[in-house]
N, C-alpha and C. Protein backbone atom coordinates (compact mmCIF):
# COMPACT_ATOMS: atom_id res chain seq x y z
N MET A 1 -52.77 -66.67 -116.21
CA MET A 1 -53.28 -66.07 -117.11
C MET A 1 -54.34 -66.54 -117.71
N ASN A 2 -55.41 -65.29 -118.43
CA ASN A 2 -56.68 -65.81 -118.92
C ASN A 2 -56.64 -65.47 -120.54
N ILE A 3 -56.36 -66.29 -121.79
CA ILE A 3 -55.64 -66.16 -122.37
C ILE A 3 -57.45 -66.76 -123.87
N SER A 4 -58.16 -65.08 -124.23
CA SER A 4 -59.14 -65.43 -124.43
C SER A 4 -59.03 -66.04 -125.72
N TRP A 5 -59.78 -67.26 -126.47
CA TRP A 5 -59.36 -67.71 -128.04
C TRP A 5 -60.68 -66.58 -128.51
N ASN A 6 -60.60 -65.71 -128.60
CA ASN A 6 -61.31 -64.98 -129.94
C ASN A 6 -60.80 -65.20 -131.33
N ILE A 7 -62.05 -64.62 -132.08
CA ILE A 7 -61.51 -64.90 -134.10
C ILE A 7 -60.30 -64.42 -133.85
N PRO A 8 -60.07 -62.92 -133.95
CA PRO A 8 -58.65 -62.27 -134.07
C PRO A 8 -57.43 -63.34 -133.35
N ASN A 9 -57.25 -63.92 -132.02
CA ASN A 9 -56.67 -64.39 -131.46
C ASN A 9 -56.08 -65.62 -132.28
N ILE A 10 -57.17 -66.51 -132.54
CA ILE A 10 -57.04 -67.52 -133.28
C ILE A 10 -56.89 -67.50 -135.05
N LEU A 11 -56.81 -66.30 -135.53
CA LEU A 11 -56.23 -66.06 -136.66
C LEU A 11 -54.41 -65.88 -136.56
N THR A 12 -54.32 -65.06 -135.41
CA THR A 12 -52.86 -64.62 -135.22
C THR A 12 -52.39 -66.14 -134.71
N SER A 13 -52.68 -66.83 -134.34
CA SER A 13 -52.19 -68.17 -134.11
C SER A 13 -51.75 -68.99 -135.05
N LEU A 14 -53.14 -68.92 -135.94
CA LEU A 14 -53.03 -69.47 -137.07
C LEU A 14 -51.24 -69.20 -137.88
N ARG A 15 -51.58 -67.66 -137.86
CA ARG A 15 -50.12 -67.44 -138.80
C ARG A 15 -48.84 -67.66 -138.34
N ILE A 16 -49.09 -68.45 -137.09
CA ILE A 16 -47.53 -68.45 -136.64
C ILE A 16 -47.78 -70.13 -136.73
N ILE A 17 -49.10 -70.88 -136.79
CA ILE A 17 -48.84 -72.52 -137.15
C ILE A 17 -48.33 -72.50 -138.65
N LEU A 18 -48.74 -71.27 -139.51
CA LEU A 18 -47.94 -71.56 -140.68
C LEU A 18 -47.11 -71.27 -141.45
N ILE A 19 -46.23 -70.70 -139.89
CA ILE A 19 -44.67 -70.45 -140.80
C ILE A 19 -43.77 -72.26 -140.75
N PRO A 20 -43.75 -73.22 -139.94
CA PRO A 20 -43.62 -74.14 -140.63
C PRO A 20 -43.93 -74.86 -141.54
N VAL A 21 -45.39 -74.59 -142.11
CA VAL A 21 -46.07 -75.02 -143.23
C VAL A 21 -45.01 -74.48 -144.20
N PHE A 22 -44.80 -73.05 -143.77
CA PHE A 22 -44.07 -72.46 -145.15
C PHE A 22 -42.68 -72.81 -145.33
N LEU A 23 -41.76 -73.02 -144.07
CA LEU A 23 -40.66 -73.83 -144.10
C LEU A 23 -40.76 -75.10 -145.18
N LEU A 24 -41.47 -75.77 -144.60
CA LEU A 24 -41.52 -76.89 -145.51
C LEU A 24 -41.63 -76.85 -147.14
N ALA A 25 -42.66 -75.93 -147.33
CA ALA A 25 -42.63 -75.51 -148.94
C ALA A 25 -42.09 -74.95 -149.53
N PHE A 26 -41.45 -73.93 -149.00
CA PHE A 26 -40.24 -73.42 -149.39
C PHE A 26 -38.65 -74.17 -149.87
N PHE A 27 -38.31 -75.31 -148.90
CA PHE A 27 -36.97 -75.96 -148.57
C PHE A 27 -38.06 -77.57 -149.53
N ILE A 28 -38.65 -78.45 -148.88
CA ILE A 28 -38.98 -79.54 -149.46
C ILE A 28 -39.94 -79.65 -150.83
N LEU A 29 -40.57 -78.54 -151.02
CA LEU A 29 -41.50 -79.04 -152.51
C LEU A 29 -40.69 -79.25 -153.92
N PRO A 30 -39.53 -77.99 -153.63
CA PRO A 30 -38.83 -78.13 -154.51
C PRO A 30 -38.09 -79.28 -155.67
N TYR A 31 -38.08 -80.27 -154.23
CA TYR A 31 -37.49 -81.45 -154.58
C TYR A 31 -38.89 -82.71 -154.98
N CYS A 32 -40.14 -81.75 -154.69
CA CYS A 32 -40.97 -83.00 -154.87
C CYS A 32 -41.34 -82.86 -157.01
N PHE A 33 -40.96 -81.62 -157.13
CA PHE A 33 -41.47 -81.26 -158.44
C PHE A 33 -39.68 -81.02 -159.63
N SER A 34 -40.15 -81.60 -160.73
CA SER A 34 -39.20 -81.07 -162.11
C SER A 34 -38.55 -80.00 -161.66
N ASP A 35 -37.01 -79.82 -162.36
CA ASP A 35 -36.34 -78.45 -162.04
C ASP A 35 -37.33 -77.37 -163.17
N GLY A 36 -37.38 -76.25 -162.66
CA GLY A 36 -37.73 -75.04 -163.26
C GLY A 36 -39.31 -75.37 -163.29
N ASN A 37 -40.34 -76.06 -162.61
CA ASN A 37 -41.47 -76.00 -162.20
C ASN A 37 -42.05 -75.09 -161.48
N PRO A 38 -42.95 -73.85 -161.55
CA PRO A 38 -43.30 -72.89 -161.06
C PRO A 38 -43.90 -72.97 -159.42
N TRP A 39 -44.90 -74.53 -159.35
CA TRP A 39 -45.71 -74.34 -158.31
C TRP A 39 -44.52 -74.42 -156.77
N PRO A 40 -43.51 -74.89 -156.41
CA PRO A 40 -42.89 -74.37 -154.75
C PRO A 40 -43.03 -73.41 -154.91
N SER A 41 -42.39 -72.17 -156.03
CA SER A 41 -42.48 -70.94 -155.31
C SER A 41 -43.98 -70.74 -155.71
N ARG A 42 -44.98 -71.00 -155.83
CA ARG A 42 -46.58 -70.23 -156.33
C ARG A 42 -46.81 -70.78 -154.81
N ILE A 43 -46.74 -72.07 -154.11
CA ILE A 43 -47.31 -72.62 -152.73
C ILE A 43 -46.47 -71.82 -151.72
N SER A 44 -45.30 -71.63 -151.76
CA SER A 44 -44.84 -70.74 -151.17
C SER A 44 -45.24 -69.43 -150.83
N PHE A 45 -45.27 -69.10 -152.15
CA PHE A 45 -46.04 -67.24 -151.52
C PHE A 45 -47.78 -67.51 -151.63
N GLY A 46 -48.55 -68.81 -151.82
CA GLY A 46 -49.85 -68.78 -151.09
C GLY A 46 -50.17 -68.75 -150.02
N ILE A 47 -49.08 -69.21 -149.17
CA ILE A 47 -49.40 -69.67 -147.41
C ILE A 47 -48.31 -68.43 -147.15
N PHE A 48 -47.44 -67.72 -147.54
CA PHE A 48 -46.95 -66.70 -147.52
C PHE A 48 -48.29 -65.20 -147.35
N TRP A 49 -49.17 -65.27 -148.56
CA TRP A 49 -49.90 -64.67 -148.72
C TRP A 49 -51.07 -64.76 -147.72
N VAL A 50 -51.52 -66.36 -147.07
CA VAL A 50 -52.69 -66.22 -146.33
C VAL A 50 -52.58 -65.74 -145.04
N ALA A 51 -50.84 -65.87 -144.94
CA ALA A 51 -50.49 -65.62 -143.40
C ALA A 51 -50.36 -63.61 -143.36
N SER A 52 -50.14 -63.20 -144.48
CA SER A 52 -50.07 -61.48 -144.61
C SER A 52 -51.90 -61.34 -144.45
N VAL A 53 -52.78 -62.04 -145.17
CA VAL A 53 -53.97 -61.38 -144.92
C VAL A 53 -54.73 -61.93 -143.97
N THR A 54 -54.20 -62.65 -142.83
CA THR A 54 -54.86 -62.57 -141.66
C THR A 54 -53.79 -61.40 -140.52
N ASP A 55 -52.72 -61.10 -141.14
CA ASP A 55 -52.64 -60.30 -139.95
C ASP A 55 -53.23 -58.67 -140.32
N TRP A 56 -54.17 -58.64 -141.31
CA TRP A 56 -54.75 -57.65 -141.77
C TRP A 56 -56.27 -57.55 -140.76
N PHE A 57 -56.31 -58.86 -141.02
CA PHE A 57 -58.02 -59.46 -140.87
C PHE A 57 -57.95 -59.12 -139.23
N ASP A 58 -56.87 -60.14 -138.59
CA ASP A 58 -57.12 -59.86 -137.15
C ASP A 58 -56.78 -58.81 -136.42
N GLY A 59 -56.09 -57.53 -137.07
CA GLY A 59 -56.15 -56.37 -136.25
C GLY A 59 -57.44 -55.80 -136.38
N TYR A 60 -58.32 -56.04 -137.71
CA TYR A 60 -59.46 -55.19 -138.17
C TYR A 60 -60.74 -55.86 -137.08
N LEU A 61 -60.46 -57.41 -137.07
CA LEU A 61 -61.61 -57.90 -136.84
C LEU A 61 -61.44 -57.64 -135.07
N ALA A 62 -60.73 -57.48 -134.82
CA ALA A 62 -60.78 -57.02 -132.81
C ALA A 62 -60.65 -55.54 -132.70
N ARG A 63 -61.11 -54.84 -133.47
CA ARG A 63 -61.06 -53.26 -133.76
C ARG A 63 -62.71 -53.30 -133.44
N LYS A 64 -62.94 -54.17 -134.68
CA LYS A 64 -64.45 -53.96 -135.22
C LYS A 64 -65.21 -54.63 -134.21
N LEU A 65 -64.94 -55.98 -133.74
CA LEU A 65 -65.50 -56.64 -132.99
C LEU A 65 -65.21 -56.47 -131.45
N ASN A 66 -64.52 -55.32 -131.45
CA ASN A 66 -64.11 -55.25 -129.73
C ASN A 66 -63.43 -56.35 -129.12
N GLN A 67 -62.73 -57.57 -130.12
CA GLN A 67 -61.92 -58.11 -129.09
C GLN A 67 -60.32 -58.24 -128.64
N THR A 68 -60.41 -56.62 -128.34
CA THR A 68 -58.80 -56.56 -128.48
C THR A 68 -58.22 -57.01 -127.26
N SER A 69 -57.23 -57.65 -127.15
CA SER A 69 -56.79 -57.91 -125.36
C SER A 69 -55.25 -58.21 -125.36
N PRO A 70 -55.05 -58.26 -124.20
CA PRO A 70 -53.54 -58.08 -124.00
C PRO A 70 -52.52 -59.09 -124.55
N PHE A 71 -53.20 -60.41 -125.02
CA PHE A 71 -52.59 -61.49 -125.60
C PHE A 71 -52.26 -61.16 -126.81
N GLY A 72 -53.29 -60.88 -127.16
CA GLY A 72 -53.70 -60.64 -129.02
C GLY A 72 -52.17 -59.60 -129.18
N ALA A 73 -52.53 -58.50 -128.31
CA ALA A 73 -51.84 -57.41 -128.04
C ALA A 73 -50.35 -57.96 -128.28
N PHE A 74 -49.82 -58.70 -127.59
CA PHE A 74 -48.33 -59.47 -127.43
C PHE A 74 -48.02 -60.91 -128.48
N LEU A 75 -48.79 -61.43 -128.96
CA LEU A 75 -49.02 -62.07 -130.10
C LEU A 75 -48.73 -61.86 -131.07
N ASP A 76 -49.41 -60.67 -131.98
CA ASP A 76 -49.65 -59.78 -133.35
C ASP A 76 -48.53 -59.22 -133.81
N PRO A 77 -47.92 -59.05 -132.83
CA PRO A 77 -46.39 -58.34 -133.53
C PRO A 77 -45.24 -59.36 -133.61
N VAL A 78 -45.10 -60.55 -132.53
CA VAL A 78 -44.77 -61.45 -132.61
C VAL A 78 -44.79 -62.35 -133.47
N ALA A 79 -46.30 -62.62 -134.12
CA ALA A 79 -46.48 -63.14 -135.08
C ALA A 79 -45.92 -62.92 -136.44
N ASP A 80 -46.17 -61.08 -136.65
CA ASP A 80 -45.58 -61.03 -137.62
C ASP A 80 -44.08 -60.75 -137.89
N LYS A 81 -43.67 -60.64 -136.70
CA LYS A 81 -42.09 -60.29 -137.07
C LYS A 81 -41.22 -62.13 -137.26
N LEU A 82 -42.11 -62.89 -136.43
CA LEU A 82 -41.76 -64.16 -137.04
C LEU A 82 -41.84 -64.73 -138.34
N MET A 83 -42.90 -64.59 -138.66
CA MET A 83 -43.05 -64.76 -140.56
C MET A 83 -42.45 -63.77 -141.47
N VAL A 84 -41.92 -63.20 -141.47
CA VAL A 84 -40.92 -61.58 -141.71
C VAL A 84 -39.54 -62.27 -141.97
N VAL A 85 -39.07 -62.65 -140.56
CA VAL A 85 -37.79 -62.99 -140.32
C VAL A 85 -37.79 -64.62 -141.26
N PHE A 86 -38.47 -65.38 -140.93
CA PHE A 86 -38.31 -66.40 -142.07
C PHE A 86 -38.50 -66.56 -142.98
N ALA A 87 -39.43 -65.84 -143.95
CA ALA A 87 -39.19 -65.45 -145.07
C ALA A 87 -38.21 -64.75 -145.42
N ILE A 88 -37.28 -64.10 -144.79
CA ILE A 88 -36.34 -63.20 -145.39
C ILE A 88 -34.84 -64.18 -145.30
N ILE A 89 -34.89 -65.31 -144.17
CA ILE A 89 -34.01 -66.25 -144.09
C ILE A 89 -33.62 -67.38 -145.25
N CYS A 90 -35.24 -67.61 -145.25
CA CYS A 90 -35.39 -68.30 -146.66
C CYS A 90 -34.85 -67.86 -148.35
N LEU A 91 -35.66 -66.77 -148.43
CA LEU A 91 -35.35 -66.18 -149.42
C LEU A 91 -33.30 -65.82 -149.33
N THR A 92 -32.74 -65.42 -148.38
CA THR A 92 -31.40 -65.59 -148.34
C THR A 92 -30.67 -66.42 -148.84
N THR A 93 -31.20 -67.59 -148.44
CA THR A 93 -30.63 -68.99 -149.10
C THR A 93 -30.63 -69.16 -150.54
N ARG A 94 -31.51 -68.44 -151.15
CA ARG A 94 -31.92 -68.51 -153.41
C ARG A 94 -31.13 -67.29 -153.06
N LEU A 95 -31.42 -65.96 -152.95
CA LEU A 95 -30.63 -64.70 -153.39
C LEU A 95 -29.43 -63.86 -152.38
N ASN A 96 -28.82 -65.31 -152.55
CA ASN A 96 -27.33 -65.35 -151.55
C ASN A 96 -26.05 -64.05 -151.84
N GLN A 97 -27.26 -62.19 -152.36
CA GLN A 97 -25.86 -61.34 -152.39
C GLN A 97 -26.11 -60.37 -152.07
N ALA A 98 -24.88 -59.35 -151.91
CA ALA A 98 -25.11 -58.56 -150.85
C ALA A 98 -25.86 -57.43 -151.16
N TYR A 99 -26.64 -57.34 -152.61
CA TYR A 99 -27.81 -55.95 -152.77
C TYR A 99 -29.50 -56.45 -151.93
N PHE A 100 -29.34 -58.30 -151.50
CA PHE A 100 -30.52 -58.33 -151.19
C PHE A 100 -30.17 -58.67 -149.20
N VAL A 101 -29.33 -59.04 -149.34
CA VAL A 101 -28.40 -59.34 -147.60
C VAL A 101 -28.55 -58.09 -146.80
N ILE A 102 -28.13 -56.81 -147.36
CA ILE A 102 -27.97 -55.42 -146.83
C ILE A 102 -29.60 -55.06 -146.24
N PRO A 103 -30.31 -54.77 -147.21
CA PRO A 103 -31.67 -54.21 -146.89
C PRO A 103 -32.20 -55.54 -145.87
N ALA A 104 -31.86 -57.09 -145.88
CA ALA A 104 -32.74 -57.50 -145.19
C ALA A 104 -31.94 -57.77 -143.88
N ALA A 105 -30.67 -57.31 -143.99
CA ALA A 105 -30.14 -57.07 -142.01
C ALA A 105 -30.66 -56.29 -141.63
N VAL A 106 -30.82 -54.91 -142.03
CA VAL A 106 -31.40 -53.82 -141.86
C VAL A 106 -33.00 -54.27 -141.27
N ILE A 107 -33.44 -54.67 -141.77
CA ILE A 107 -34.86 -55.13 -141.77
C ILE A 107 -34.94 -56.04 -139.98
N ILE A 108 -33.99 -56.94 -140.23
CA ILE A 108 -34.07 -57.82 -139.07
C ILE A 108 -33.53 -57.05 -137.59
N GLY A 109 -31.90 -56.32 -138.22
CA GLY A 109 -31.64 -55.64 -136.96
C GLY A 109 -32.56 -54.41 -136.45
N ARG A 110 -33.71 -54.24 -137.04
CA ARG A 110 -34.16 -52.73 -136.28
C ARG A 110 -35.49 -53.87 -136.29
N GLU A 111 -35.99 -54.77 -136.15
CA GLU A 111 -37.32 -55.89 -135.81
C GLU A 111 -36.36 -56.00 -134.07
N ILE A 112 -35.10 -56.48 -134.03
CA ILE A 112 -34.52 -56.53 -132.62
C ILE A 112 -34.46 -55.64 -131.84
N VAL A 113 -34.32 -54.52 -132.52
CA VAL A 113 -33.69 -52.96 -131.62
C VAL A 113 -35.30 -52.61 -131.32
N ILE A 114 -36.64 -52.57 -131.48
CA ILE A 114 -37.44 -52.17 -131.66
C ILE A 114 -37.97 -53.13 -130.89
N SER A 115 -37.90 -54.34 -130.83
CA SER A 115 -38.79 -55.52 -129.54
C SER A 115 -38.12 -54.58 -128.39
N ALA A 116 -36.61 -54.91 -128.73
CA ALA A 116 -36.10 -54.76 -127.30
C ALA A 116 -36.39 -53.41 -126.44
N LEU A 117 -36.60 -52.01 -127.18
CA LEU A 117 -37.05 -50.93 -126.91
C LEU A 117 -38.65 -51.20 -126.25
N ARG A 118 -39.11 -51.70 -126.71
CA ARG A 118 -40.59 -51.96 -126.17
C ARG A 118 -40.51 -52.57 -125.19
N GLU A 119 -40.21 -53.42 -125.00
CA GLU A 119 -39.49 -54.64 -123.53
C GLU A 119 -39.48 -53.85 -122.38
N TRP A 120 -38.30 -52.93 -122.95
CA TRP A 120 -37.84 -52.20 -121.67
C TRP A 120 -38.70 -50.83 -121.67
N MET A 121 -39.29 -49.99 -122.55
CA MET A 121 -40.48 -49.03 -122.07
C MET A 121 -41.45 -49.90 -121.41
N ALA A 122 -41.70 -51.05 -121.56
CA ALA A 122 -42.87 -51.41 -120.80
C ALA A 122 -42.89 -51.62 -119.41
N GLU A 123 -41.40 -51.89 -118.82
CA GLU A 123 -41.14 -52.47 -117.41
C GLU A 123 -40.87 -50.56 -116.82
N TYR A 124 -41.27 -49.69 -117.54
CA TYR A 124 -41.17 -48.25 -117.34
C TYR A 124 -42.99 -47.89 -117.20
N GLY A 125 -43.82 -48.60 -117.67
CA GLY A 125 -45.29 -48.85 -117.87
C GLY A 125 -45.34 -47.35 -118.80
N LYS A 126 -44.66 -47.43 -119.89
CA LYS A 126 -44.68 -46.51 -120.90
C LYS A 126 -44.56 -47.10 -122.30
N ARG A 127 -45.04 -47.97 -122.13
CA ARG A 127 -44.83 -49.12 -123.61
C ARG A 127 -45.69 -48.45 -124.58
N GLY A 128 -46.81 -47.32 -124.62
CA GLY A 128 -48.11 -46.58 -125.19
C GLY A 128 -46.87 -45.91 -126.25
N LYS A 129 -46.12 -45.12 -125.68
CA LYS A 129 -44.88 -44.16 -125.83
C LYS A 129 -43.90 -45.05 -127.58
N VAL A 130 -43.93 -45.86 -127.71
CA VAL A 130 -43.56 -46.83 -128.65
C VAL A 130 -44.59 -47.67 -129.42
N ALA A 131 -45.49 -47.33 -129.60
CA ALA A 131 -47.22 -48.17 -130.05
C ALA A 131 -46.86 -47.92 -131.66
N VAL A 132 -47.23 -49.21 -132.31
CA VAL A 132 -47.27 -49.16 -133.67
C VAL A 132 -47.88 -47.67 -134.09
N SER A 133 -46.84 -47.28 -135.05
CA SER A 133 -47.63 -45.68 -135.69
C SER A 133 -48.30 -46.13 -137.33
N ILE A 134 -48.09 -45.18 -137.95
CA ILE A 134 -48.63 -44.65 -139.29
C ILE A 134 -47.46 -45.83 -140.11
N LEU A 135 -46.34 -44.80 -139.97
CA LEU A 135 -45.61 -45.28 -140.60
C LEU A 135 -44.92 -46.94 -140.67
N GLY A 136 -45.09 -46.83 -139.78
CA GLY A 136 -44.60 -48.40 -139.20
C GLY A 136 -45.44 -49.56 -139.99
N LYS A 137 -46.87 -48.84 -140.35
CA LYS A 137 -47.71 -49.88 -140.79
C LYS A 137 -47.66 -49.73 -142.32
N ILE A 138 -46.76 -48.74 -143.18
CA ILE A 138 -46.77 -48.30 -144.37
C ILE A 138 -45.27 -49.26 -144.38
N LYS A 139 -44.64 -49.45 -143.30
CA LYS A 139 -43.31 -50.20 -143.49
C LYS A 139 -43.81 -51.64 -143.54
N THR A 140 -44.36 -51.68 -143.02
CA THR A 140 -44.85 -53.67 -143.27
C THR A 140 -45.92 -53.70 -144.58
N THR A 141 -46.38 -52.82 -144.40
CA THR A 141 -47.46 -53.27 -146.12
C THR A 141 -45.89 -53.42 -147.28
N ALA A 142 -45.02 -52.39 -147.19
CA ALA A 142 -44.14 -52.54 -148.55
C ALA A 142 -43.21 -54.01 -148.39
N GLN A 143 -42.79 -54.17 -146.59
CA GLN A 143 -42.24 -55.51 -146.36
C GLN A 143 -43.28 -56.29 -146.95
N MET A 144 -44.01 -56.74 -146.69
CA MET A 144 -44.82 -57.85 -146.99
C MET A 144 -44.96 -57.90 -148.59
N LEU A 145 -45.34 -57.40 -149.49
CA LEU A 145 -45.31 -57.14 -150.30
C LEU A 145 -43.93 -56.98 -151.25
N ALA A 146 -42.97 -56.97 -150.76
CA ALA A 146 -41.76 -56.82 -151.20
C ALA A 146 -41.61 -58.41 -150.83
N LEU A 147 -41.52 -59.30 -150.00
CA LEU A 147 -41.36 -60.48 -149.68
C LEU A 147 -41.94 -61.29 -150.53
N MET A 148 -43.71 -61.04 -150.70
CA MET A 148 -44.57 -61.65 -151.81
C MET A 148 -44.11 -61.56 -153.32
N PHE A 149 -43.63 -60.62 -153.76
CA PHE A 149 -42.85 -60.56 -155.20
C PHE A 149 -41.57 -61.37 -155.42
N LEU A 150 -41.22 -61.23 -154.39
CA LEU A 150 -39.98 -62.00 -154.02
C LEU A 150 -39.95 -63.75 -154.03
N LEU A 151 -41.09 -63.87 -153.46
CA LEU A 151 -41.54 -65.71 -153.51
C LEU A 151 -41.89 -66.24 -154.41
N PHE A 152 -42.44 -65.11 -155.39
CA PHE A 152 -43.11 -65.49 -156.36
C PHE A 152 -42.50 -65.45 -157.45
N ASN A 153 -41.52 -66.76 -157.44
CA ASN A 153 -40.62 -66.46 -158.17
C ASN A 153 -40.75 -67.35 -159.67
N SER A 154 -41.62 -67.75 -160.09
CA SER A 154 -42.52 -67.76 -161.68
C SER A 154 -42.92 -66.72 -162.69
N ASP A 155 -43.39 -66.83 -163.70
CA ASP A 155 -43.98 -66.04 -164.72
C ASP A 155 -45.81 -66.58 -164.17
N LEU A 156 -46.02 -65.09 -164.84
CA LEU A 156 -48.07 -64.98 -164.58
C LEU A 156 -48.63 -64.41 -165.42
N PHE A 157 -48.16 -63.86 -165.69
CA PHE A 157 -49.08 -62.88 -166.48
C PHE A 157 -47.79 -62.48 -167.24
N LEU A 158 -48.40 -61.95 -168.96
CA LEU A 158 -46.87 -61.37 -169.83
C LEU A 158 -46.30 -60.49 -168.99
N PHE A 159 -47.00 -59.34 -168.73
CA PHE A 159 -45.91 -58.22 -167.76
C PHE A 159 -45.29 -58.70 -166.66
N MET A 160 -45.75 -60.05 -165.76
CA MET A 160 -45.52 -60.35 -164.20
C MET A 160 -44.65 -61.41 -165.06
N THR A 161 -43.53 -60.97 -164.94
CA THR A 161 -42.16 -62.38 -165.48
C THR A 161 -41.88 -62.60 -163.78
N LYS A 162 -40.57 -63.53 -164.23
CA LYS A 162 -39.50 -63.73 -162.94
C LYS A 162 -38.76 -62.50 -162.21
N ARG A 163 -38.22 -61.84 -163.98
CA ARG A 163 -37.48 -60.84 -163.88
C ARG A 163 -38.54 -59.27 -163.08
N PHE A 164 -39.57 -59.64 -163.90
CA PHE A 164 -40.42 -58.03 -163.43
C PHE A 164 -40.40 -58.08 -161.72
N ASN A 165 -41.07 -59.34 -161.40
CA ASN A 165 -41.40 -59.76 -160.07
C ASN A 165 -39.96 -59.87 -158.96
N HIS A 166 -39.13 -59.91 -159.31
CA HIS A 166 -37.57 -60.20 -158.48
C HIS A 166 -37.38 -58.13 -158.47
N ILE A 167 -37.41 -57.57 -159.70
CA ILE A 167 -36.95 -56.61 -159.57
C ILE A 167 -37.69 -55.18 -158.49
N THR A 168 -38.98 -55.62 -158.90
CA THR A 168 -39.78 -55.12 -157.97
C THR A 168 -40.01 -55.03 -156.86
N GLY A 169 -39.62 -56.42 -156.17
CA GLY A 169 -39.55 -56.97 -155.07
C GLY A 169 -38.38 -56.34 -154.26
N VAL A 170 -37.20 -56.63 -155.12
CA VAL A 170 -35.87 -56.14 -154.41
C VAL A 170 -35.95 -54.38 -154.47
N VAL A 171 -36.71 -53.62 -155.21
CA VAL A 171 -37.15 -51.65 -154.95
C VAL A 171 -38.19 -51.85 -153.82
N LEU A 172 -39.20 -52.90 -153.34
CA LEU A 172 -39.88 -52.45 -152.77
C LEU A 172 -39.05 -53.02 -151.29
N LEU A 173 -38.17 -54.02 -151.47
CA LEU A 173 -37.39 -54.26 -150.14
C LEU A 173 -36.50 -53.12 -149.22
N TYR A 174 -35.95 -52.66 -150.47
CA TYR A 174 -35.57 -51.17 -150.21
C TYR A 174 -36.01 -49.97 -149.61
N VAL A 175 -37.34 -49.89 -149.68
CA VAL A 175 -38.20 -49.14 -149.84
C VAL A 175 -38.30 -49.13 -148.28
N ALA A 176 -38.54 -50.67 -147.92
CA ALA A 176 -39.04 -50.87 -146.48
C ALA A 176 -37.80 -51.01 -146.13
N ALA A 177 -36.58 -51.18 -146.08
CA ALA A 177 -35.42 -51.02 -145.38
C ALA A 177 -35.40 -49.67 -145.16
N ILE A 178 -35.77 -48.57 -145.65
CA ILE A 178 -35.24 -47.02 -145.86
C ILE A 178 -36.59 -47.00 -144.28
N LEU A 179 -37.81 -46.90 -144.72
CA LEU A 179 -38.86 -46.80 -143.99
C LEU A 179 -38.34 -47.44 -142.44
N THR A 180 -37.97 -48.73 -142.71
CA THR A 180 -37.51 -49.21 -141.16
C THR A 180 -36.87 -48.53 -140.44
N VAL A 181 -35.63 -47.92 -141.19
CA VAL A 181 -34.89 -46.85 -140.29
C VAL A 181 -35.58 -45.82 -140.20
N VAL A 182 -36.20 -45.05 -140.79
CA VAL A 182 -37.06 -43.35 -140.45
C VAL A 182 -38.03 -43.58 -139.36
N SER A 183 -38.78 -45.21 -139.43
CA SER A 183 -39.68 -45.53 -138.22
C SER A 183 -38.93 -46.10 -136.99
N MET A 184 -38.00 -46.54 -136.91
CA MET A 184 -36.81 -46.58 -135.86
C MET A 184 -36.54 -45.70 -135.40
N ILE A 185 -36.08 -44.58 -136.08
CA ILE A 185 -35.76 -43.32 -135.45
C ILE A 185 -36.73 -42.84 -134.59
N ASP A 186 -38.31 -42.85 -135.45
CA ASP A 186 -38.82 -41.81 -134.50
C ASP A 186 -40.01 -42.92 -133.63
N TYR A 187 -39.43 -43.98 -133.16
CA TYR A 187 -39.70 -44.43 -132.05
C TYR A 187 -38.86 -44.46 -131.23
N LEU A 188 -37.33 -44.43 -131.52
CA LEU A 188 -36.15 -44.07 -130.42
C LEU A 188 -36.26 -42.24 -129.93
N LYS A 189 -36.86 -41.53 -130.69
CA LYS A 189 -36.87 -40.20 -130.14
C LYS A 189 -37.90 -40.21 -129.32
N ALA A 190 -38.99 -40.85 -129.82
CA ALA A 190 -40.53 -41.17 -128.64
C ALA A 190 -40.24 -41.50 -127.80
N ALA A 191 -39.74 -42.78 -127.87
CA ALA A 191 -39.14 -43.58 -126.33
C ALA A 191 -38.11 -42.63 -125.08
N PHE A 192 -37.38 -41.84 -125.99
CA PHE A 192 -36.64 -40.80 -125.37
C PHE A 192 -36.62 -39.65 -125.00
N SER A 193 -37.92 -39.23 -125.63
CA SER A 193 -38.19 -37.67 -124.99
C SER A 193 -38.31 -37.50 -123.78
N GLU A 194 -38.36 -36.24 -123.32
CA GLU A 194 -38.89 -35.94 -121.73
C GLU A 194 -40.31 -36.27 -121.50
N ASN A 195 -40.85 -35.52 -122.77
CA ASN A 195 -42.39 -35.20 -122.24
C ASN A 195 -43.20 -36.80 -122.50
N ASP A 196 -44.02 -37.21 -121.22
CA ASP A 196 -44.58 -38.34 -121.11
C ASP A 196 -45.84 -38.25 -122.37
């Protein structure tokens, strides 16, 4: 298999490399600072933010530079899902409450279903029927913003308090969970439609 190490694929790979860095920052840094210190959560947020930015840039650059490739098409959604799922798992250890776990489980469950659906459709040469839609992109944006607000577990400005970040993050997570279900239904309808 010929892997093209162009800029978009390097950015996508960087996103995967950032996952263990994010995990270490989330779980180890709190032990390196005094209780209540805001920097562990800010650093975790920063790593996730960088990963989210590379998600936007790799797709944009792939189209702009005409550097799309089968490897990039495979790796990009994998990197997205891994980063989101690991961030959700990390936050579950902090927010071990039903109001967080329920939308988190919906999001993770949907990712598993759609990944399996795309793999199944690829077996029939119809992967294009479940290509990423605009609704899926909106869902991803809401998801990333929700996780960023929840990761930024500290005060920043007068109005951006821990409470504000938490509430905003949870609301956006529910928006993402609803969009997740709606987009999953759309993908399933497209996959099982009679027309090619």
